[in-house]
Protein backbone atom coordinates (compact mmCIF):
# COMPACT_ATOMS: atom_id res chain seq x y z
CA UNK A 1 30.32 -90.64 -57.62
CA UNK A 2 29.47 -89.01 -53.48
CA UNK A 3 26.56 -86.89 -52.96
CA UNK A 4 27.43 -83.26 -51.78
CA UNK A 5 24.82 -83.46 -48.86
CA UNK A 6 25.49 -79.44 -48.61
CA UNK A 7 24.07 -78.67 -51.99
CA UNK A 8 20.58 -79.57 -50.10
CA UNK A 9 20.72 -78.05 -46.98
CA UNK A 10 17.95 -77.31 -45.43
CA UNK A 11 17.10 -72.91 -46.19
CA UNK A 12 16.82 -71.79 -42.44
CA UNK A 13 17.14 -68.53 -40.91
CA UNK A 14 16.59 -69.34 -37.96
CA UNK A 15 19.39 -69.89 -35.32
CA UNK A 16 17.04 -72.50 -33.31
CA UNK A 17 16.80 -74.77 -36.21
CA UNK A 18 20.05 -75.14 -37.20
CA UNK A 19 20.85 -75.61 -33.83
CA UNK A 20 18.26 -79.24 -33.85
CA UNK A 21 19.65 -79.81 -37.79
CA UNK A 22 23.71 -79.55 -35.96
CA UNK A 23 22.30 -81.64 -33.09
CA UNK A 24 20.13 -84.70 -35.24
CA UNK A 25 17.81 -87.04 -33.47
CA UNK A 26 20.66 -87.71 -31.09
CA UNK A 27 20.30 -84.10 -29.79
CA UNK A 28 23.90 -84.11 -28.69
CA UNK A 29 25.51 -81.46 -27.12
CA UNK A 30 27.08 -78.80 -29.07
CA UNK A 31 30.45 -77.02 -27.56
CA UNK A 32 30.37 -73.28 -27.21
CA UNK A 33 26.46 -73.43 -27.21
CA UNK A 34 24.77 -72.07 -23.77
CA UNK A 35 20.94 -72.75 -24.02
CA UNK A 36 17.84 -71.65 -21.49
CA UNK A 37 14.10 -72.25 -22.35
CA UNK A 38 11.62 -70.92 -20.54
CA UNK A 39 7.63 -71.93 -21.42
CA UNK A 40 4.61 -70.30 -19.67
CA UNK A 41 1.00 -69.15 -20.57
CA UNK A 42 1.29 -71.22 -23.93
CA UNK A 43 4.86 -68.85 -25.35
CA UNK A 44 8.42 -71.06 -24.81
CA UNK A 45 11.29 -68.35 -24.63
CA UNK A 46 14.34 -70.12 -25.41
CA UNK A 47 18.16 -68.27 -25.71
CA UNK A 48 20.84 -69.16 -27.55
CA UNK A 49 24.31 -68.07 -27.19
CA UNK A 50 26.85 -69.16 -29.47
CA UNK A 51 30.51 -68.30 -26.89
CA UNK A 52 33.02 -69.35 -29.43
CA UNK A 53 33.60 -70.67 -32.89
CA UNK A 54 33.33 -74.03 -32.35
CA UNK A 55 29.52 -73.42 -31.70
CA UNK A 56 29.54 -70.50 -35.06
CA UNK A 57 30.56 -73.55 -36.85
CA UNK A 58 28.66 -76.21 -35.47
CA UNK A 59 25.77 -73.94 -36.62
CA UNK A 60 26.40 -71.72 -39.11
CA UNK A 61 26.02 -68.67 -37.50
CA UNK A 62 27.79 -65.83 -36.66
CA UNK A 63 28.88 -65.28 -32.39
CA UNK A 64 25.80 -64.11 -30.57
CA UNK A 65 22.65 -64.38 -28.77
CA UNK A 66 19.87 -65.13 -30.50
CA UNK A 67 16.48 -64.85 -28.57
CA UNK A 68 13.13 -67.24 -30.28
CA UNK A 69 10.10 -66.96 -29.10
CA UNK A 70 7.38 -70.18 -30.43
CA UNK A 71 3.85 -69.59 -28.91
CA UNK A 72 1.67 -71.98 -31.58
CA UNK A 73 -1.59 -70.93 -30.70
CA UNK A 74 -0.94 -67.56 -31.97
CA UNK A 75 -2.82 -68.51 -35.40
CA UNK A 76 -5.52 -68.91 -33.62
CA UNK A 77 -6.03 -65.26 -33.29
CA UNK A 78 -6.43 -64.36 -29.52
CA UNK A 79 -5.67 -61.19 -28.52
CA UNK A 80 -5.57 -62.08 -25.35
CA UNK A 81 -2.65 -64.25 -26.19
CA UNK A 82 -1.42 -61.60 -29.08
CA UNK A 83 -1.17 -58.85 -26.00
CA UNK A 84 0.69 -61.31 -23.87
CA UNK A 85 3.43 -62.23 -26.54
CA UNK A 86 3.61 -58.43 -27.10
CA UNK A 87 4.79 -58.21 -23.57
CA UNK A 88 7.35 -61.18 -23.18
CA UNK A 89 8.57 -59.75 -26.41
CA UNK A 90 9.35 -56.33 -25.26
CA UNK A 91 10.88 -57.90 -22.07
CA UNK A 92 13.72 -60.00 -24.13
CA UNK A 93 14.18 -57.36 -26.54
CA UNK A 94 14.79 -54.67 -23.61
CA UNK A 95 17.74 -57.52 -22.27
CA UNK A 96 19.20 -56.76 -25.98
CA UNK A 97 19.02 -53.50 -25.56
CA UNK A 98 20.71 -53.46 -22.05
CA UNK A 99 23.19 -55.81 -22.91
CA UNK A 100 24.99 -53.81 -25.67
CA UNK A 101 24.98 -50.70 -23.57
CA UNK A 102 22.00 -48.87 -25.28
CA UNK A 103 20.24 -46.63 -23.00
CA UNK A 104 17.20 -44.27 -22.97
CA UNK A 105 18.68 -41.29 -24.28
CA UNK A 106 19.96 -43.18 -27.42
CA UNK A 107 18.49 -42.84 -30.46
CA UNK A 108 17.40 -45.07 -32.36
CA UNK A 109 16.92 -46.36 -36.05
CA UNK A 110 14.02 -48.99 -36.69
CA UNK A 111 14.75 -50.87 -40.67
CA UNK A 112 11.66 -52.62 -42.24
CA UNK A 113 12.96 -54.83 -45.03
CA UNK A 114 10.88 -56.06 -47.41
CA UNK A 115 9.05 -56.21 -50.12
CA UNK A 116 5.27 -54.54 -48.76
CA UNK A 117 3.88 -56.04 -52.81
CA UNK A 118 4.73 -59.62 -51.67
CA UNK A 119 2.68 -59.78 -48.11
CA UNK A 120 4.52 -62.32 -47.12
CA UNK A 121 7.49 -59.30 -47.25
CA UNK A 122 5.79 -56.99 -46.04
CA UNK A 123 6.43 -57.93 -42.42
CA UNK A 124 9.64 -54.87 -42.22
CA UNK A 125 6.77 -52.09 -43.62
CA UNK A 126 4.11 -52.90 -41.75
CA UNK A 127 5.79 -52.09 -38.59
CA UNK A 128 7.35 -49.31 -39.16
CA UNK A 129 4.12 -48.61 -40.27
CA UNK A 130 2.91 -49.20 -36.71
CA UNK A 131 5.93 -48.13 -34.62
CA UNK A 132 5.87 -45.19 -32.24
CA UNK A 133 8.17 -42.34 -34.32
CA UNK A 134 9.59 -39.06 -32.21
CA UNK A 135 12.08 -38.04 -33.78
CA UNK A 136 10.69 -35.36 -35.72
CA UNK A 137 9.56 -33.98 -32.54
CA UNK A 138 13.55 -34.08 -31.10
CA UNK A 139 14.52 -32.13 -33.85
CA UNK A 140 11.04 -29.23 -34.29
CA UNK A 141 9.54 -29.04 -30.66
CA UNK A 142 11.84 -30.83 -28.35
CA UNK A 143 11.24 -28.21 -25.47
CA UNK A 144 7.14 -29.88 -26.03
CA UNK A 145 8.54 -34.06 -25.76
CA UNK A 146 7.05 -35.30 -22.99
CA UNK A 147 9.13 -37.94 -20.61
CA UNK A 148 9.79 -41.29 -21.11
CA UNK A 149 9.71 -41.12 -24.98
CA UNK A 150 13.16 -41.92 -27.15
CA UNK A 151 14.63 -41.04 -30.44
CA UNK A 152 13.15 -42.74 -33.03
CA UNK A 153 13.07 -42.85 -36.72
CA UNK A 154 11.98 -45.19 -39.21
CA UNK A 155 12.85 -46.14 -42.81
CA UNK A 156 11.14 -48.77 -45.14
CA UNK A 157 13.84 -48.92 -47.63
CA UNK A 158 12.21 -51.34 -50.36
CA UNK A 159 13.94 -54.13 -51.98
CA UNK A 160 17.06 -54.01 -54.80
CA UNK A 161 14.57 -55.32 -57.47
CA UNK A 162 11.93 -52.23 -56.86
CA UNK A 163 14.79 -49.37 -55.91
CA UNK A 164 17.98 -50.54 -57.71
CA UNK A 165 19.91 -50.36 -54.59
CA UNK A 166 20.65 -52.52 -52.12
CA UNK A 167 18.71 -51.69 -48.68
CA UNK A 168 22.24 -51.79 -46.71
CA UNK A 169 23.16 -48.62 -48.67
CA UNK A 170 20.14 -47.08 -47.75
CA UNK A 171 20.58 -47.58 -44.38
CA UNK A 172 24.13 -46.20 -44.48
CA UNK A 173 23.36 -43.09 -46.42
CA UNK A 174 21.11 -42.96 -43.34
CA UNK A 175 23.14 -43.85 -40.36
CA UNK A 176 26.19 -41.08 -41.98
CA UNK A 177 23.60 -38.31 -42.01
CA UNK A 178 21.22 -38.48 -38.80
CA UNK A 179 24.09 -40.91 -36.38
CA UNK A 180 22.13 -43.06 -34.38
CA UNK A 181 23.38 -45.49 -32.23
CA UNK A 182 22.03 -48.38 -32.31
CA UNK A 183 19.83 -49.90 -35.23
CA UNK A 184 16.87 -52.10 -35.47
CA UNK A 185 16.22 -54.53 -38.68
CA UNK A 186 12.83 -56.04 -39.10
CA UNK A 187 12.79 -59.06 -41.42
CA UNK A 188 10.73 -62.10 -43.48
CA UNK A 189 12.70 -65.26 -42.57
CA UNK A 190 12.24 -68.51 -43.74
CA UNK A 191 12.02 -71.22 -42.25
CA UNK A 192 12.23 -75.44 -42.14
CA UNK A 193 9.26 -76.08 -39.54
CA UNK A 194 5.32 -76.18 -40.95
CA UNK A 195 4.61 -75.20 -37.16
CA UNK A 196 6.68 -72.04 -37.12
CA UNK A 197 5.25 -70.12 -39.49
CA UNK A 198 3.48 -67.08 -38.53
CA UNK A 199 3.49 -68.36 -34.91
CA UNK A 200 8.16 -67.91 -34.42
CA UNK A 201 9.66 -64.49 -33.60
CA UNK A 202 13.75 -64.60 -33.22
CA UNK A 203 15.60 -61.51 -31.85
CA UNK A 204 19.65 -61.49 -32.53
CA UNK A 205 21.91 -58.52 -31.61
CA UNK A 206 24.49 -60.08 -34.87
CA UNK A 207 22.29 -58.07 -38.10
CA UNK A 208 20.73 -59.60 -39.98
CA UNK A 209 21.35 -60.77 -44.10
CA UNK A 210 18.35 -59.62 -45.85
CA UNK A 211 17.53 -63.05 -48.17
CA UNK A 212 20.18 -65.28 -46.89
CA UNK A 213 17.18 -67.50 -45.84
CA UNK A 214 15.53 -68.15 -49.19
CA UNK A 215 19.52 -68.21 -51.38
CA UNK A 216 19.28 -64.23 -51.90
CA UNK A 217 23.60 -63.37 -51.27
CA UNK A 218 22.44 -59.37 -50.44
CA UNK A 219 24.70 -57.03 -48.17
CA UNK A 220 23.61 -57.39 -44.68
CA UNK A 221 23.16 -54.47 -42.04
CA UNK A 222 26.11 -55.58 -39.15
CA UNK A 223 28.00 -53.68 -37.18
CA UNK A 224 31.27 -54.19 -39.24
CA UNK A 225 29.05 -53.01 -41.97
CA UNK A 226 27.20 -50.49 -40.47
CA UNK A 227 29.97 -49.42 -37.74
CA UNK A 228 26.78 -49.26 -34.93
CA UNK A 229 25.21 -52.04 -32.91
CA UNK A 230 22.29 -54.00 -35.61
CA UNK A 231 19.49 -55.79 -33.70
CA UNK A 232 17.17 -58.39 -36.44
CA UNK A 233 13.95 -59.37 -35.58
CA UNK A 234 12.26 -61.93 -37.60
CA UNK A 235 8.89 -63.77 -38.63
CA UNK A 236 9.63 -66.68 -40.58
CA UNK A 237 6.55 -66.24 -42.83
CA UNK A 238 7.76 -69.15 -45.83
CA UNK A 239 8.78 -72.26 -46.73
CA UNK A 240 10.00 -74.78 -49.71
CA UNK A 241 8.75 -77.34 -51.43
CA UNK A 242 11.21 -79.24 -50.88
CA UNK A 243 10.90 -78.83 -47.15
CA UNK A 244 7.04 -79.32 -47.10
CA UNK A 245 7.40 -82.28 -48.94
CA UNK A 246 10.37 -83.69 -46.49
CA UNK A 247 8.43 -83.02 -43.68
CA UNK A 248 5.19 -84.55 -44.95
CA UNK A 249 7.51 -88.05 -45.68
CA UNK A 250 8.91 -87.58 -42.11
CA UNK A 251 6.08 -88.02 -40.87
CA UNK A 252 4.39 -90.55 -42.10
CA UNK A 253 6.55 -92.04 -41.17
CA UNK A 254 6.28 -90.85 -37.54
CA UNK A 255 2.44 -91.72 -38.40
CA UNK A 256 2.98 -95.37 -39.40
CA UNK A 257 5.15 -96.15 -36.45
CA UNK A 258 2.73 -95.71 -34.11
CA UNK A 259 1.10 -98.13 -32.50
CA UNK A 260 -1.94 -99.68 -34.12
CA UNK A 261 -2.97 -101.04 -37.43
CA UNK A 262 -0.59 -99.50 -39.97
CA UNK A 263 2.62 -99.88 -37.38
CA UNK A 264 2.64 -103.40 -39.60
CA UNK A 265 3.05 -101.69 -42.77
CA UNK A 266 5.33 -98.94 -41.88
CA UNK A 267 7.93 -100.96 -43.56
CA UNK A 268 5.73 -101.56 -47.09
CA UNK A 269 4.57 -98.70 -47.13
CA UNK A 270 7.45 -95.87 -46.84
CA UNK A 271 10.13 -98.30 -48.30
CA UNK A 272 13.62 -96.79 -48.23
CA UNK A 273 12.70 -93.27 -47.56
CA UNK A 274 11.88 -94.91 -43.95
CA UNK A 275 15.79 -95.77 -43.99
CA UNK A 276 17.67 -93.37 -45.65
CA UNK A 277 18.23 -89.64 -43.20
CA UNK A 278 17.00 -87.07 -43.68
CA UNK A 279 18.76 -84.71 -45.57
CA UNK A 280 19.20 -87.34 -48.15
CA UNK A 281 15.23 -87.54 -48.73
CA UNK A 282 15.86 -84.27 -48.83
CA UNK A 283 17.98 -84.32 -51.32
CA UNK A 284 15.59 -86.80 -53.16
CA UNK A 285 12.69 -84.03 -53.04
CA UNK A 286 15.21 -81.28 -54.36
CA UNK A 287 16.65 -84.21 -57.09
CA UNK A 288 12.74 -84.26 -58.02
CA UNK A 289 11.10 -80.78 -57.94
CA UNK A 290 14.39 -78.36 -58.93
CA UNK A 291 14.57 -79.10 -62.46
CA UNK A 292 11.26 -78.53 -63.08
CA UNK A 293 11.48 -75.22 -61.25
CA UNK A 294 8.43 -76.76 -58.88
CA UNK A 295 10.87 -75.96 -55.76
CA UNK A 296 8.26 -73.15 -54.62
CA UNK A 297 8.50 -71.05 -51.99
CA UNK A 298 5.02 -71.12 -50.33
CA UNK A 299 3.20 -69.51 -47.68
CA UNK A 300 -0.05 -70.29 -46.06
CA UNK A 301 -3.55 -69.11 -47.33
CA UNK A 302 -4.37 -67.14 -44.85
CA UNK A 303 -0.87 -65.00 -44.90
CA UNK A 304 -2.37 -61.33 -45.38
CA UNK A 305 -5.01 -61.69 -41.49
CA UNK A 306 -1.35 -63.15 -39.91
CA UNK A 307 0.94 -60.99 -40.95
CA UNK A 308 -0.60 -58.13 -39.71
CA UNK A 309 -1.56 -59.66 -36.41
CA UNK A 310 2.35 -60.32 -36.08
CA UNK A 311 3.18 -57.03 -37.42
CA UNK A 312 1.31 -55.82 -34.90
CA UNK A 313 2.45 -57.78 -31.85
CA UNK A 314 6.02 -56.71 -33.24
CA UNK A 315 5.29 -52.96 -33.20
CA UNK A 316 3.86 -53.09 -29.60
CA UNK A 317 6.53 -54.73 -28.79
CA UNK A 318 9.03 -52.10 -29.63
CA UNK A 319 7.52 -49.78 -28.64
CA UNK A 320 7.42 -50.54 -25.65
CA UNK A 321 10.73 -51.93 -25.12
CA UNK A 322 11.62 -48.16 -26.88
CA UNK A 323 9.69 -45.73 -24.43
CA UNK A 324 9.05 -46.08 -21.07
CA UNK A 325 5.95 -43.51 -22.08
CA UNK A 326 4.44 -46.56 -23.34
CA UNK A 327 2.08 -49.17 -20.84
CA UNK A 328 4.14 -52.72 -22.53
CA UNK A 329 -0.05 -54.55 -21.73
CA UNK A 330 -1.17 -51.96 -24.16
CA UNK A 331 -1.43 -54.29 -27.51
CA UNK A 332 -2.62 -51.78 -29.33
CA UNK A 333 0.61 -50.92 -32.24
CA UNK A 334 0.62 -47.18 -32.74
CA UNK A 335 0.98 -45.82 -36.73
CA UNK A 336 2.34 -42.18 -37.97
């Protein structure tokens, strides 16, 4: 019987990783996809535009625009670098607003998805906590508002397991009553790469489906469902144990394959694992782990510190992008 490798595909929320998997080791060009890469000061920005159904089917992502910021040095806790990332993020996010026709008179609803009781899933609520919210002033004292501030409201709707209500249903009710012009949804993501955990930010204009990266099927926040544009912001904070094992095997193969004393013994050490594809290797790992219940969802032990820092970067970038009066060079977030 032929093995269905789709059952063992690597789960990821990052369009960049989906593109890399679709291209394979040969980095085969994908029809209907445009890519632009820019790198400066340790910040790599990759802009992907999925222009047609061929590109969409190839990577398993909806047609639209995806921007990924990769900053491996973020784990070092450098506040100067965090400030630079916040500024770059604000610049990229402003381009998304311009692309969908959101001007400074438009109202915005920020939705912080996730469970604030679970650290790696608390990104959304933390960003909401540190965002500059102004709708109450527009409602109560509009004549006292200084110029340069946009009408912004926010909600952290919790998760289905806590509230019994789908986040999409909560947001739909708010949209019906408050009539925002655009939704900004923030969520924690899953990645296939250990290096991208807590060091990567993705922006996409196709909305968001909570829990998709870890196999949960939830009603999404999209323009089709909510009736208004939805821009998604995500940071990978978790990956599967099987993905880690598979990555380690791949790194071992590369290590033993390098010139040196161990190179001649690569085949002896790795055996058949060095000859099969990544998908087949991953399937073997999952066949071992899943029946035992050991294919855990894993996050780094430093997640408490990382999640605070990355949430502050995202919130600061959003504050600068949404409010002209906010200095984009000021990395300090606002609380309300």
